[in-house]
Structures are given as C-alpha cells and as structure tokens.
C-alpha cells in the first residue's frame, strides 16, 4: 500500500461518508454516526447530537467533490479546507497508534476534524501523484466513490454489491451468448 495507516483510514472514512449520501442513505441517525465514529477510530469530541449529525451529513457533497476532483482542483479544495479550519499540523501519538499527524484540536467539532483529516490525507495522495486511486464506480447505475488501495490498481466498484451485480450480469450475458 502506498500510504501510511492514518492516511488510508482517513481516505476510507471520507469515501464511506461521501458514499453514505447514495441511495439508500446510510447516515440518517445519531446511532449511524456513532458507528461511523467507532469504525474509523476517531478520537476527541463527539457530542452524539442531531446537530452534530447534520454537520457531518453536510460534509458529504464537499468530500465527494474533493475525492473526484482532478489533481489541480483537489489542491485548491484541500488548501481551502485547511485554511478555513485553521489547520496546524502536529505530530500526535495516542491509543495503539504510533506518531501521526493531527491538524486540529481534538476539541474541534467532529465535522471539522473529519474535513481536516480528509484534506490531510489528500495532501499525501496529491504529493504522491496517486489521484488515479480515486474514481467513480464502474456500475452504470451507481455514482459511488471508489478508493483503490489494491496493489494492482484493479478496484472498479465502490462496493461488493456493485461488483457482484456486474459479475452476475456479465455471467448471464456470457450464458445467453453461449446458448445461441
């Protein structure tokens, strides 16, 4: 894998959050936000309120725009996100994680921390010229964001469901072709 653990987790969280706006919406309750917070091992302030949920839900379009942008567009978006949050990168070590970067206080609102962590992860993607690891699902009926962390850069679908649906369709097409 080309990225550090914290970069990969931040990218994965940003993709999951951006894709949560797809149908069906998978971030509709405070409990969903709690699950997201735990799944991606966020630390710091988490109010567990509807207001916090609404703030995080409001990030989804911006994250999607960031994750599907060209390299040059992503630079502008990242810089704007970091400037708005007044990010000041600092090395941190906590829990089971060795030294890594945090760029805002753990007391900052969760939506701010998610935004800054996604922006900081994209700094690594941009600097390593790895924008090709991000894209849109190859399923014709899906607009989900794809994060390809595979060694051979072969991931084309945003989820197992989309991949399976396309595999079944391809199988059925082959079967109907061989029956003729």
Protein backbone atom coordinates (compact mmCIF):
# COMPACT_ATOMS: atom_id res chain seq x y z
CA UNK A 1 0.00 0.00 0.00
CA UNK A 2 1.35 3.40 -0.90
CA UNK A 3 0.08 5.35 2.12
CA UNK A 4 0.53 5.38 5.87
CA UNK A 5 -2.15 3.82 8.05
CA UNK A 6 -3.67 7.15 9.13
CA UNK A 7 -3.87 8.35 5.54
CA UNK A 8 -5.59 5.16 4.41
CA UNK A 9 -8.09 5.27 7.28
CA UNK A 10 -8.86 8.95 6.63
CA UNK A 11 -9.38 8.27 2.92
CA UNK A 12 -11.61 5.29 3.68
CA UNK A 13 -13.66 7.35 6.13
CA UNK A 14 -14.05 10.16 3.59
CA UNK A 15 -15.17 7.70 0.89
CA UNK A 16 -17.65 5.98 3.22
CA UNK A 17 -19.01 9.35 4.31
CA UNK A 18 -19.31 10.64 0.74
CA UNK A 19 -20.99 7.41 -0.36
CA UNK A 20 -23.39 7.47 2.58
CA UNK A 21 -25.43 10.03 0.63
CA UNK A 22 -26.13 7.48 -2.12
CA UNK A 23 -29.43 5.58 -2.10
CA UNK A 24 -30.08 4.24 0.42
CA UNK A 25 -28.73 6.94 2.73
CA UNK A 26 -26.65 5.16 5.37
CA UNK A 27 -26.13 8.10 7.72
CA UNK A 28 -29.56 9.05 8.99
CA UNK A 29 -29.33 8.72 12.77
CA UNK A 30 -27.04 9.59 15.64
CA UNK A 31 -26.51 5.83 16.07
CA UNK A 32 -25.23 5.67 12.46
CA UNK A 33 -22.81 8.50 13.26
CA UNK A 34 -21.68 6.67 16.43
CA UNK A 35 -20.96 3.58 14.31
CA UNK A 36 -19.01 5.69 11.80
CA UNK A 37 -17.02 7.34 14.62
CA UNK A 38 -16.12 3.95 16.12
CA UNK A 39 -15.46 2.19 12.80
CA UNK A 40 -12.86 4.74 11.75
CA UNK A 41 -11.45 5.16 15.26
CA UNK A 42 -11.94 8.88 15.57
CA UNK A 43 -10.79 10.39 18.84
CA UNK A 44 -11.82 13.52 20.66
CA UNK A 45 -15.05 15.40 20.92
CA UNK A 46 -18.21 13.58 19.85
CA UNK A 47 -21.43 15.19 21.04
CA UNK A 48 -23.84 12.49 19.84
CA UNK A 49 -26.49 15.05 18.87
CA UNK A 50 -28.72 15.62 15.88
CA UNK A 51 -26.91 18.92 15.27
CA UNK A 52 -23.56 17.13 15.04
CA UNK A 53 -25.11 14.54 12.70
CA UNK A 54 -26.44 17.34 10.48
CA UNK A 55 -22.99 19.00 10.38
CA UNK A 56 -21.32 15.73 9.35
CA UNK A 57 -24.03 14.98 6.77
CA UNK A 58 -23.43 18.44 5.29
CA UNK A 59 -19.80 17.45 4.51
CA UNK A 60 -20.74 14.70 2.11
CA UNK A 61 -21.03 16.78 -1.06
CA UNK A 62 -17.75 18.60 -0.35
CA UNK A 63 -15.95 15.32 0.29
CA UNK A 64 -17.34 13.82 -2.91
CA UNK A 65 -16.17 16.91 -4.83
CA UNK A 66 -12.70 16.54 -3.27
CA UNK A 67 -12.44 12.80 -3.90
CA UNK A 68 -13.49 13.05 -7.54
CA UNK A 69 -11.57 16.21 -8.43
CA UNK A 70 -8.62 16.45 -10.77
CA UNK A 71 -5.26 16.85 -9.09
CA UNK A 72 -5.21 20.62 -9.67
CA UNK A 73 -8.78 21.05 -8.44
CA UNK A 74 -8.02 18.90 -5.39
CA UNK A 75 -5.12 21.18 -4.46
CA UNK A 76 -7.44 24.19 -4.37
CA UNK A 77 -10.07 22.31 -2.38
CA UNK A 78 -7.53 20.96 0.14
CA UNK A 79 -5.96 24.38 0.64
CA UNK A 80 -9.37 25.97 1.20
CA UNK A 81 -10.40 23.27 3.68
CA UNK A 82 -7.18 23.58 5.68
CA UNK A 83 -7.31 27.38 5.67
CA UNK A 84 -10.94 27.50 6.78
CA UNK A 85 -10.23 25.09 9.65
CA UNK A 86 -7.06 26.98 10.58
CA UNK A 87 -5.21 23.69 10.47
CA UNK A 88 -1.86 23.48 12.20
CA UNK A 89 -0.32 20.04 11.68
CA UNK A 90 1.22 18.47 14.76
CA UNK A 91 2.60 15.03 15.48
CA UNK A 92 0.45 13.02 17.89
CA UNK A 93 0.61 9.56 19.43
CA UNK A 94 -2.37 8.01 21.18
CA UNK A 95 -4.06 4.72 21.87
CA UNK A 96 -2.46 1.99 19.77
CA UNK A 97 -1.23 4.34 17.02
CA UNK A 98 2.34 5.50 16.68
CA UNK A 99 3.26 9.03 15.59
CA UNK A 100 0.91 10.54 13.02
CA UNK A 101 -0.46 13.95 12.09
CA UNK A 102 -3.42 15.77 13.57
CA UNK A 103 -4.06 19.25 12.29
CA UNK A 104 -6.81 20.50 14.59
CA UNK A 105 -7.54 20.10 18.26
CA UNK A 106 -9.41 17.05 19.50
CA UNK A 107 -11.87 19.57 20.95
CA UNK A 108 -12.76 20.84 17.46
CA UNK A 109 -16.19 19.80 16.19
CA UNK A 110 -16.29 16.33 14.65
CA UNK A 111 -17.24 17.74 11.23
CA UNK A 112 -14.15 19.96 11.30
CA UNK A 113 -11.90 17.05 12.29
CA UNK A 114 -13.33 14.85 9.53
CA UNK A 115 -12.80 17.60 6.96
CA UNK A 116 -9.23 18.26 8.04
CA UNK A 117 -8.30 14.58 8.22
CA UNK A 118 -9.67 14.05 4.71
CA UNK A 119 -7.77 17.11 3.47
CA UNK A 120 -4.56 15.96 5.14
CA UNK A 121 -4.93 12.50 3.60
CA UNK A 122 -5.45 14.10 0.20
CA UNK A 123 -2.19 16.01 0.68
CA UNK A 124 -0.43 12.63 0.59
CA UNK A 125 -2.45 11.49 -2.43
CA UNK A 126 -1.63 14.68 -4.32
CA UNK A 127 2.05 14.72 -3.35
CA UNK A 128 2.49 11.08 -4.39
CA UNK A 129 0.58 11.75 -7.65
CA UNK A 130 -1.84 8.94 -6.79
CA UNK A 131 -5.13 10.59 -7.84
CA UNK A 132 -5.80 7.55 -10.04
CA UNK A 133 -6.56 5.65 -6.84
CA UNK A 134 -9.81 7.60 -6.61
CA UNK A 135 -12.68 7.44 -9.05
CA UNK A 136 -16.36 6.77 -9.59
CA UNK A 137 -17.96 3.31 -9.50
CA UNK A 138 -17.91 1.43 -12.83
CA UNK A 139 -21.52 0.29 -12.27
CA UNK A 140 -23.69 2.21 -14.75
CA UNK A 141 -26.38 2.71 -12.09
CA UNK A 142 -24.07 3.93 -9.31
CA UNK A 143 -22.21 7.15 -8.66
CA UNK A 144 -20.32 5.94 -5.57
CA UNK A 145 -16.73 7.00 -4.98
CA UNK A 146 -14.12 4.26 -5.34
CA UNK A 147 -10.89 4.19 -3.34
CA UNK A 148 -8.46 1.69 -4.84
CA UNK A 149 -5.75 0.72 -2.37
CA UNK A 150 -5.04 -2.56 -4.14
CA UNK A 151 -1.51 -3.31 -5.24
CA UNK A 152 -2.51 -3.86 -8.86
CA UNK A 153 -4.95 -0.93 -9.01
CA UNK A 154 -7.81 -3.15 -10.12
CA UNK A 155 -10.71 -1.95 -7.99
CA UNK A 156 -13.54 -0.66 -10.17
CA UNK A 157 -16.59 -0.77 -7.93
CA UNK A 158 -17.49 1.16 -4.80
CA UNK A 159 -18.89 -1.88 -3.00
CA UNK A 160 -19.16 -5.63 -3.10
CA UNK A 161 -22.83 -5.22 -4.07
CA UNK A 162 -21.96 -3.25 -7.21
CA UNK A 163 -19.16 -5.67 -8.10
CA UNK A 164 -21.40 -8.70 -7.61
CA UNK A 165 -24.25 -7.16 -9.61
CA UNK A 166 -21.88 -6.58 -12.54
CA UNK A 167 -20.33 -10.05 -12.27
CA UNK A 168 -23.78 -11.66 -12.35
CA UNK A 169 -24.78 -9.51 -15.33
CA UNK A 170 -21.60 -10.47 -17.17
CA UNK A 171 -22.15 -14.16 -16.34
CA UNK A 172 -25.73 -14.03 -17.60
CA UNK A 173 -24.61 -12.28 -20.78
CA UNK A 174 -22.00 -14.98 -21.38
CA UNK A 175 -24.54 -17.72 -20.71
CA UNK A 176 -27.11 -16.24 -23.08
CA UNK A 177 -24.39 -15.85 -25.73
CA UNK A 178 -23.29 -19.48 -25.45
CA UNK A 179 -26.91 -20.71 -25.63
CA UNK A 180 -27.35 -19.19 -29.10
